[in-house]
C-alpha atoms as a PDB file:
ATOM      1  CA  MET A   1       4.384 -11.816  -0.072  1.00  0.00           C
ATOM      2  CA  PHE A   2       1.996 -10.487   2.240  1.00  0.00           C
ATOM      3  CA  LEU A   3      -1.986 -11.092   1.747  1.00  0.00           C
ATOM      4  CA  ILE A   4      -3.851  -8.449   4.216  1.00  0.00           C
ATOM      5  CA  GLU A   5      -7.436  -8.419   4.443  1.00  0.00           C
ATOM      6  CA  PHE A   6      -9.839  -6.195   6.827  1.00  0.00           C
ATOM      7  CA  ALA A   7     -12.825  -7.401   7.886  1.00  0.00           C
ATOM      8  CA  CYS A   8     -15.314  -4.801   9.431  1.00  0.00           C
ATOM      9  CA  PRO A   9     -19.269  -4.350   9.635  1.00  0.00           C
ATOM     10  CA  ARG A  10     -20.369  -2.720   6.107  1.00  0.00           C
ATOM     11  CA  GLY A  11     -20.408   0.615   6.250  1.00  0.00           C
ATOM     12  CA  ALA A  12     -18.261   1.337   8.820  1.00  0.00           C
ATOM     13  CA  LEU A  13     -14.873   2.658   6.699  1.00  0.00           C
ATOM     14  CA  ALA A  14     -14.858   5.352   4.604  1.00  0.00           C
ATOM     15  CA  ASP A  15     -12.879   5.316   1.634  1.00  0.00           C
ATOM     16  CA  GLY A  16     -10.000   7.754   3.315  1.00  0.00           C
ATOM     17  CA  ASP A  17     -10.310   5.271   6.216  1.00  0.00           C
ATOM     18  CA  ARG A  18      -9.335   2.202   4.021  1.00  0.00           C
ATOM     19  CA  ARG A  19      -6.620   4.038   1.963  1.00  0.00           C
ATOM     20  CA  LEU A  20      -5.021   5.417   5.293  1.00  0.00           C
ATOM     21  CA  LEU A  21      -5.061   1.778   6.995  1.00  0.00           C
ATOM     22  CA  ALA A  22      -3.563   0.437   3.911  1.00  0.00           C
ATOM     23  CA  ALA A  23      -0.945   3.361   3.478  1.00  0.00           C
ATOM     24  CA  ASP A  24       0.206   2.831   6.746  1.00  0.00           C
ATOM     25  CA  VAL A  25       0.602  -1.075   6.830  1.00  0.00           C
ATOM     26  CA  CYS A  26       2.479  -1.046   3.681  1.00  0.00           C
ATOM     27  CA  GLU A  27       5.012   2.083   4.805  1.00  0.00           C
ATOM     28  CA  VAL A  28       6.017  -0.445   7.995  1.00  0.00           C
ATOM     29  CA  LEU A  29       6.068  -3.929   5.847  1.00  0.00           C
ATOM     30  CA  VAL A  30       7.203  -2.704   2.405  1.00  0.00           C
ATOM     31  CA  GLY A  31       8.212   1.140   3.113  1.00  0.00           C
ATOM     32  CA  ALA A  32      11.286   2.918   1.670  1.00  0.00           C
ATOM     33  CA  GLU A  33      14.589   1.833   4.174  1.00  0.00           C
ATOM     34  CA  GLU A  34      17.832   2.785   4.268  1.00  0.00           C
ATOM     35  CA  GLY A  35      20.195  -0.552   3.664  1.00  0.00           C
ATOM     36  CA  VAL A  36      17.821  -2.125   1.256  1.00  0.00           C
ATOM     37  CA  ALA A  37      17.875  -2.959  -2.268  1.00  0.00           C
ATOM     38  CA  GLU A  38      15.370  -0.825  -4.173  1.00  0.00           C
ATOM     39  CA  GLU A  39      14.977  -3.801  -6.309  1.00  0.00           C
ATOM     40  CA  THR A  40      14.010  -6.072  -3.723  1.00  0.00           C
ATOM     41  CA  MET A  41      11.751  -3.689  -2.201  1.00  0.00           C
ATOM     42  CA  ARG A  42      10.204  -2.767  -5.768  1.00  0.00           C
ATOM     43  CA  ARG A  43       8.937  -6.676  -5.799  1.00  0.00           C
ATOM     44  CA  ALA A  44       8.255  -6.862  -2.026  1.00  0.00           C
ATOM     45  CA  ARG A  45       5.764  -3.896  -3.104  1.00  0.00           C
ATOM     46  CA  ALA A  46       4.002  -5.629  -5.959  1.00  0.00           C
ATOM     47  CA  MET A  47       3.780  -8.743  -3.750  1.00  0.00           C
ATOM     48  CA  THR A  48       1.811  -7.098  -0.786  1.00  0.00           C
ATOM     49  CA  HIS A  49      -2.171  -7.061  -1.589  1.00  0.00           C
ATOM     50  CA  VAL A  50      -4.263  -5.544   1.290  1.00  0.00           C
ATOM     51  CA  GLY A  51      -8.134  -5.702   0.801  1.00  0.00           C
ATOM     52  CA  PHE A  52     -11.002  -5.023   2.837  1.00  0.00           C
ATOM     53  CA  ARG A  53     -14.185  -7.054   3.032  1.00  0.00           C
ATOM     54  CA  GLU A  54     -17.654  -5.804   4.849  1.00  0.00           C
ATOM     55  CA  LEU A  55     -19.901  -8.018   6.859  1.00  0.00           C
ATOM     56  CA  ASP A  56     -23.224  -7.824   7.409  1.00  0.00           C
ATOM     57  CA  GLY A  57     -24.874  -8.399  10.839  1.00  0.00           C
ATOM     58  CA  TRP A  58     -21.706  -8.137  12.574  1.00  0.00           C
ATOM     59  CA  THR A  59     -22.439  -9.642  16.161  1.00  0.00           C
ATOM     60  CA  THR A  60     -20.484  -9.459  19.398  1.00  0.00           C
ATOM     61  CA  GLY A  61     -21.874 -11.488  22.744  1.00  0.00           C
ATOM     62  CA  ASP A  62     -23.015  -8.222  23.277  1.00  0.00           C
ATOM     63  CA  GLY A  63     -25.283  -8.044  20.600  1.00  0.00           C
ATOM     64  CA  PRO A  64     -25.125  -6.567  16.913  1.00  0.00           C
ATOM     65  CA  TRP A  65     -22.585  -3.514  16.314  1.00  0.00           C
ATOM     66  CA  THR A  66     -24.118  -0.405  16.079  1.00  0.00           C
ATOM     67  CA  PRO A  67     -23.748   2.723  13.584  1.00  0.00           C
ATOM     68  CA  GLY A  68     -21.322   5.332  15.098  1.00  0.00           C
ATOM     69  CA  ALA A  69     -19.986   2.794  17.673  1.00  0.00           C
ATOM     70  CA  VAL A  70     -16.242   2.012  17.180  1.00  0.00           C
ATOM     71  CA  PRO A  71     -16.494  -0.382  14.442  1.00  0.00           C
ATOM     72  CA  PRO A  72     -14.366  -3.577  15.541  1.00  0.00           C
ATOM     73  CA  LEU A  73     -11.798  -5.055  13.231  1.00  0.00           C
ATOM     74  CA  TRP A  74     -10.838  -8.192  12.348  1.00  0.00           C
ATOM     75  CA  VAL A  75      -7.709  -8.515  10.449  1.00  0.00           C
ATOM     76  CA  THR A  76      -5.985 -11.490   8.680  1.00  0.00           C
ATOM     77  CA  LEU A  77      -2.403 -11.495   7.386  1.00  0.00           C
ATOM     78  CA  THR A  78      -1.486 -14.418   5.106  1.00  0.00           C
ATOM     79  CA  VAL A  79       2.540 -15.465   4.523  1.00  0.00           C
ATOM     80  CA  PRO A  80       4.406 -18.445   3.868  1.00  0.00           C
ATOM     81  CA  GLU A  81       4.476 -20.808   6.942  1.00  0.00           C
ATOM     82  CA  SER A  82       7.975 -20.666   7.708  1.00  0.00           C
ATOM     83  CA  TRP A  83       8.170 -17.138   7.899  1.00  0.00           C
ATOM     84  CA  ARG A  84       5.223 -16.875  10.709  1.00  0.00           C
ATOM     85  CA  SER A  85       6.963 -16.867  13.704  1.00  0.00           C
ATOM     86  CA  GLU A  86       9.854 -14.323  12.845  1.00  0.00           C
ATOM     87  CA  MET A  87       7.106 -12.014  11.158  1.00  0.00           C
ATOM     88  CA  SER A  88       4.562 -12.091  13.978  1.00  0.00           C
ATOM     89  CA  ARG A  89       5.735  -9.311  16.011  1.00  0.00           C
ATOM     90  CA  THR A  90       6.571  -6.760  12.956  1.00  0.00           C
ATOM     91  CA  ALA A  91       3.327  -7.793  10.906  1.00  0.00           C
ATOM     92  CA  THR A  92       1.164  -7.410  14.095  1.00  0.00           C
ATOM     93  CA  GLY A  93       2.500  -4.236  14.943  1.00  0.00           C
ATOM     94  CA  ALA A  94       2.195  -2.502  11.461  1.00  0.00           C
ATOM     95  CA  VAL A  95      -1.635  -3.032  11.879  1.00  0.00           C
ATOM     96  CA  ARG A  96      -1.992  -2.256  15.446  1.00  0.00           C
ATOM     97  CA  ARG A  97       0.171   1.366  14.378  1.00  0.00           C
ATOM     98  CA  ALA A  98      -2.403   2.066  11.251  1.00  0.00           C
ATOM     99  CA  VAL A  99      -5.354   1.196  13.331  1.00  0.00           C
ATOM    100  CA  ARG A 100      -4.223   3.592  16.275  1.00  0.00           C
ATOM    101  CA  HIS A 101      -3.609   6.562  13.353  1.00  0.00           C
ATOM    102  CA  LEU A 102      -7.154   5.528  12.321  1.00  0.00           C
ATOM    103  CA  ASP A 103      -8.419   5.668  15.724  1.00  0.00           C
ATOM    104  CA  ARG A 104      -6.565   8.884  16.484  1.00  0.00           C
ATOM    105  CA  GLN A 105      -8.271  10.138  13.133  1.00  0.00           C
ATOM    106  CA  HIS A 106     -11.695   9.631  14.954  1.00  0.00           C
ATOM    107  CA  ASP A 107     -11.234  10.119  18.378  1.00  0.00           C
ATOM    108  CA  TRP A 108     -12.169   6.499  18.608  1.00  0.00           C
ATOM    109  CA  GLN A 109     -11.732   5.084  22.091  1.00  0.00           C
ATOM    110  CA  ARG A 110     -10.739   1.418  20.797  1.00  0.00           C
ATOM    111  CA  ALA A 111     -11.413  -1.589  23.478  1.00  0.00           C
ATOM    112  CA  GLN A 112      -8.542  -4.166  23.035  1.00  0.00           C
ATOM    113  CA  GLU A 113     -11.313  -6.670  22.170  1.00  0.00           C
ATOM    114  CA  ASP A 114     -12.667  -4.473  18.988  1.00  0.00           C
ATOM    115  CA  LEU A 115      -9.148  -5.727  17.274  1.00  0.00           C
ATOM    116  CA  TRP A 116      -8.086  -9.129  16.299  1.00  0.00           C
ATOM    117  CA  VAL A 117      -5.016  -9.923  14.424  1.00  0.00           C
ATOM    118  CA  ASN A 118      -4.365 -13.187  12.966  1.00  0.00           C
ATOM    119  CA  LEU A 119      -1.156 -14.034  11.206  1.00  0.00           C
ATOM    120  CA  VAL A 120      -1.871 -17.151   8.885  1.00  0.00           C
ATOM    121  CA  GLY A 121       0.561 -19.308   7.245  1.00  0.00           C
ATOM    122  CA  ILE A 122       0.353 -21.373   4.306  1.00  0.00           C
ATOM    123  CA  ALA A 123       2.408 -24.306   3.911  1.00  0.00           C
ATOM    124  CA  ASP A 124       4.979 -24.983   0.989  1.00  0.00           C
ATOM    125  CA  GLY A 125       3.368 -26.382  -2.148  1.00  0.00           C
ATOM    126  CA  SER A 126      -0.033 -24.362  -1.168  1.00  0.00           C
ATOM    127  CA  ILE A 127       1.408 -21.147  -2.129  1.00  0.00           C
ATOM    128  CA  GLY A 128      -0.239 -20.236  -5.217  1.00  0.00           C
ATOM    129  CA  MET A 129       2.121 -17.662  -6.290  1.00  0.00           C
ATOM    130  CA  GLY A 130       0.813 -16.784 -10.013  1.00  0.00           C
ATOM    131  CA  GLY A 131      -1.709 -19.700  -9.718  1.00  0.00           C
ATOM    132  CA  LYS A 132       1.169 -22.172  -9.547  1.00  0.00           C
ATOM    133  CA  PRO A 133       1.911 -24.117  -6.488  1.00  0.00           C
ATOM    134  CA  CYS A 134       5.224 -23.194  -4.932  1.00  0.00           C
ATOM    135  CA  THR A 135       7.513 -22.997  -2.001  1.00  0.00           C
ATOM    136  CA  ALA A 136       8.801 -20.289   0.519  1.00  0.00           C
ATOM    137  CA  ASP A 137      12.135 -20.551  -0.963  1.00  0.00           C
ATOM    138  CA  GLU A 138      10.312 -19.831  -4.514  1.00  0.00           C
ATOM    139  CA  VAL A 139       8.549 -16.782  -3.324  1.00  0.00           C
ATOM    140  CA  VAL A 140      11.988 -15.304  -1.998  1.00  0.00           C
ATOM    141  CA  ALA A 141      13.514 -16.368  -5.203  1.00  0.00           C
ATOM    142  CA  HIS A 142      11.177 -14.241  -7.091  1.00  0.00           C
ATOM    143  CA  MET A 143      11.195 -11.016  -4.758  1.00  0.00           C
ATOM    144  CA  THR A 144      14.967 -11.267  -4.946  1.00  0.00           C
ATOM    145  CA  ALA A 145      15.227 -11.836  -8.607  1.00  0.00           C
ATOM    146  CA  GLU A 146      16.082  -8.655 -10.054  1.00  0.00           C
ATOM    147  CA  TYR A 147      18.832  -7.895  -7.107  1.00  0.00           C
ATOM    148  CA  ARG A 148      20.483 -11.156  -7.653  1.00  0.00           C
ATOM    149  CA  ALA A 149      20.819 -10.395 -11.571  1.00  0.00           C
ATOM    150  CA  GLN A 150      22.335  -7.235 -10.937  1.00  0.00           C
ATOM    151  CA  ARG A 151      24.571  -8.918  -8.162  1.00  0.00           C
ATOM    152  CA  ASP A 152      25.662 -11.584 -10.511  1.00  0.00           C
ATOM    153  CA  ALA A 153      26.420  -9.234 -13.463  1.00  0.00           C
ATOM    154  CA  GLY A 154      28.250  -7.522 -10.827  1.00  0.00           C
ATOM    155  CA  ALA A 155      26.147  -4.321 -10.952  1.00  0.00           C
ATOM    156  CA  ALA A 156      25.232  -4.449  -7.100  1.00  0.00           C
ATOM    157  CA  ASP A 157      27.389  -2.130  -5.111  1.00  0.00           C
ATOM    158  CA  GLY A 158      28.836  -4.178  -2.143  1.00  0.00           C
ATOM    159  CA  THR A 159      32.034  -1.972  -1.800  1.00  0.00           C
ATOM    160  CA  ASP A 160      32.361   0.954   0.942  1.00  0.00           C
ATOM    161  CA  LEU A 161      30.681  -0.563   3.694  1.00  0.00           C
ATOM    162  CA  PRO A 162      31.184   0.137   7.213  1.00  0.00           C
ATOM    163  CA  GLU A 163      33.203  -1.978   9.293  1.00  0.00           C
ATOM    164  CA  GLY A 164      30.701  -4.749  10.581  1.00  0.00           C
ATOM    165  CA  ILE A 165      27.884  -4.549   8.007  1.00  0.00           C
ATOM    166  CA  VAL A 166      28.005  -7.508   5.033  1.00  0.00           C
ATOM    167  CA  ILE A 167      25.207  -7.450   2.542  1.00  0.00           C
ATOM    168  CA  ASP A 168      22.542 -10.304   2.813  1.00  0.00           C
ATOM    169  CA  PRO A 169      23.420 -12.188  -1.048  1.00  0.00           C
ATOM    170  CA  MET A 170      20.040 -12.944  -1.133  1.00  0.00           C
ATOM    171  CA  CYS A 171      17.984  -9.873  -1.157  1.00  0.00           C
ATOM    172  CA  GLY A 172      20.819  -7.006  -0.732  1.00  0.00           C
ATOM    173  CA  MET A 173      19.819  -5.547   3.164  1.00  0.00           C
ATOM    174  CA  HIS A 174      22.662  -4.657   4.571  1.00  0.00           C
ATOM    175  CA  VAL A 175      23.038  -6.528   7.701  1.00  0.00           C
ATOM    176  CA  ARG A 176      25.256  -5.649  10.681  1.00  0.00           C
ATOM    177  CA  LEU A 177      27.234  -8.670  12.313  1.00  0.00           C
ATOM    178  CA  GLY A 178      27.236  -9.237  15.873  1.00  0.00           C
ATOM    179  CA  PRO A 179      25.293 -10.851  18.598  1.00  0.00           C
ATOM    180  CA  GLY A 180      21.964 -12.006  17.335  1.00  0.00           C
ATOM    181  CA  ALA A 181      23.012 -12.202  13.699  1.00  0.00           C
ATOM    182  CA  LEU A 182      21.709 -14.571  11.104  1.00  0.00           C
ATOM    183  CA  THR A 183      24.395 -15.634   9.727  1.00  0.00           C
ATOM    184  CA  LEU A 184      25.977 -18.607   7.293  1.00  0.00           C
ATOM    185  CA  GLU A 185      29.935 -19.599   6.502  1.00  0.00           C
ATOM    186  CA  HIS A 186      30.276 -19.870   3.199  1.00  0.00           C
ATOM    187  CA  ASP A 187      33.415 -20.494   1.154  1.00  0.00           C
ATOM    188  CA  GLY A 188      35.660 -19.100   3.832  1.00  0.00           C
ATOM    189  CA  ARG A 189      33.587 -15.987   4.353  1.00  0.00           C
ATOM    190  CA  THR A 190      30.639 -15.000   6.986  1.00  0.00           C
ATOM    191  CA  MET A 191      27.415 -14.081   5.234  1.00  0.00           C
ATOM    192  CA  GLY A 192      25.067 -11.903   6.844  1.00  0.00           C
ATOM    193  CA  PHE A 193      21.291 -12.168   6.694  1.00  0.00           C
ATOM    194  CA  CYS A 194      18.157  -9.704   7.104  1.00  0.00           C
ATOM    195  CA  ALA A 195      15.563 -13.014   7.848  1.00  0.00           C
ATOM    196  CA  ALA A 196      15.445 -16.570   8.186  1.00  0.00           C
ATOM    197  CA  ALA A 197      13.674 -17.356   5.260  1.00  0.00           C
ATOM    198  CA  CYS A 198      16.830 -15.212   3.114  1.00  0.00           C
ATOM    199  CA  ARG A 199      19.558 -17.427   5.181  1.00  0.00           C
ATOM    200  CA  ALA A 200      17.119 -20.719   4.327  1.00  0.00           C
ATOM    201  CA  ALA A 201      16.852 -19.940   0.638  1.00  0.00           C
ATOM    202  CA  TYR A 202      20.561 -18.985   0.377  1.00  0.00           C
ATOM    203  CA  ALA A 203      21.581 -22.228   2.248  1.00  0.00           C
ATOM    204  CA  ARG A 204      19.225 -24.640   0.407  1.00  0.00           C
ATOM    205  CA  GLU A 205      19.954 -22.845  -3.454  1.00  0.00           C
ATOM    206  CA  ASN A 206      24.000 -23.760  -2.478  1.00  0.00           C
ATOM    207  CA  ASN A 207      23.669 -26.979  -0.699  1.00  0.00           C
ATOM    208  CA  LEU A 208      24.405 -26.086   2.892  1.00  0.00           C
ATOM    209  CA  PRO A 209      23.150 -27.337   5.609  1.00  0.00           C
ATOM    210  CA  VAL A 210      20.153 -25.152   6.935  1.00  0.00           C
ATOM    211  CA  PRO A 211      20.074 -23.941  10.663  1.00  0.00           C
ATOM    212  CA  ALA A 212      17.706 -24.849  12.779  1.00  0.00           C
END
């Protein structure tokens, strides 16, 4: 679940600019990646929304923005609160990378104060997936439902993995065990997870203690 809104002065971005920004951000956040279950990524892409809002009368402390100047951008990314800290670097980095690409296209020299990226967390019970209140675990469950159905049916391929690589049982991502890996011990096995959100959802689903 990524809800991404770019705000800019009215008329500052052309259709091609918006398409470039949206494509670049999505490529980083939900693009094709080796070792990731396509069933999970298909749902993750469907749960990622990018939109643009044009504002009238954009003014800074130095006065109104003038057409032709580098357009300031104010970007808000909305995720479940429990994801916010872990996702901060990746999400803000995805936006920064996309904006730099846009700036190169126009030969814009953007000052730091002309780009603001805010990551907003939504508390459990206030996430309205499908218009119904839900939790971060329910978001993860929906995102990974297709993969887990295949796993439970024995169709998910978990064989012939390189040594030290395990499959995240929630989403199907390949995870390398070692220092810094997110793991849980369950039924005598070491389970590896791509993110704290997957680990927490798996732990609660299986009545295991949730690591701090």
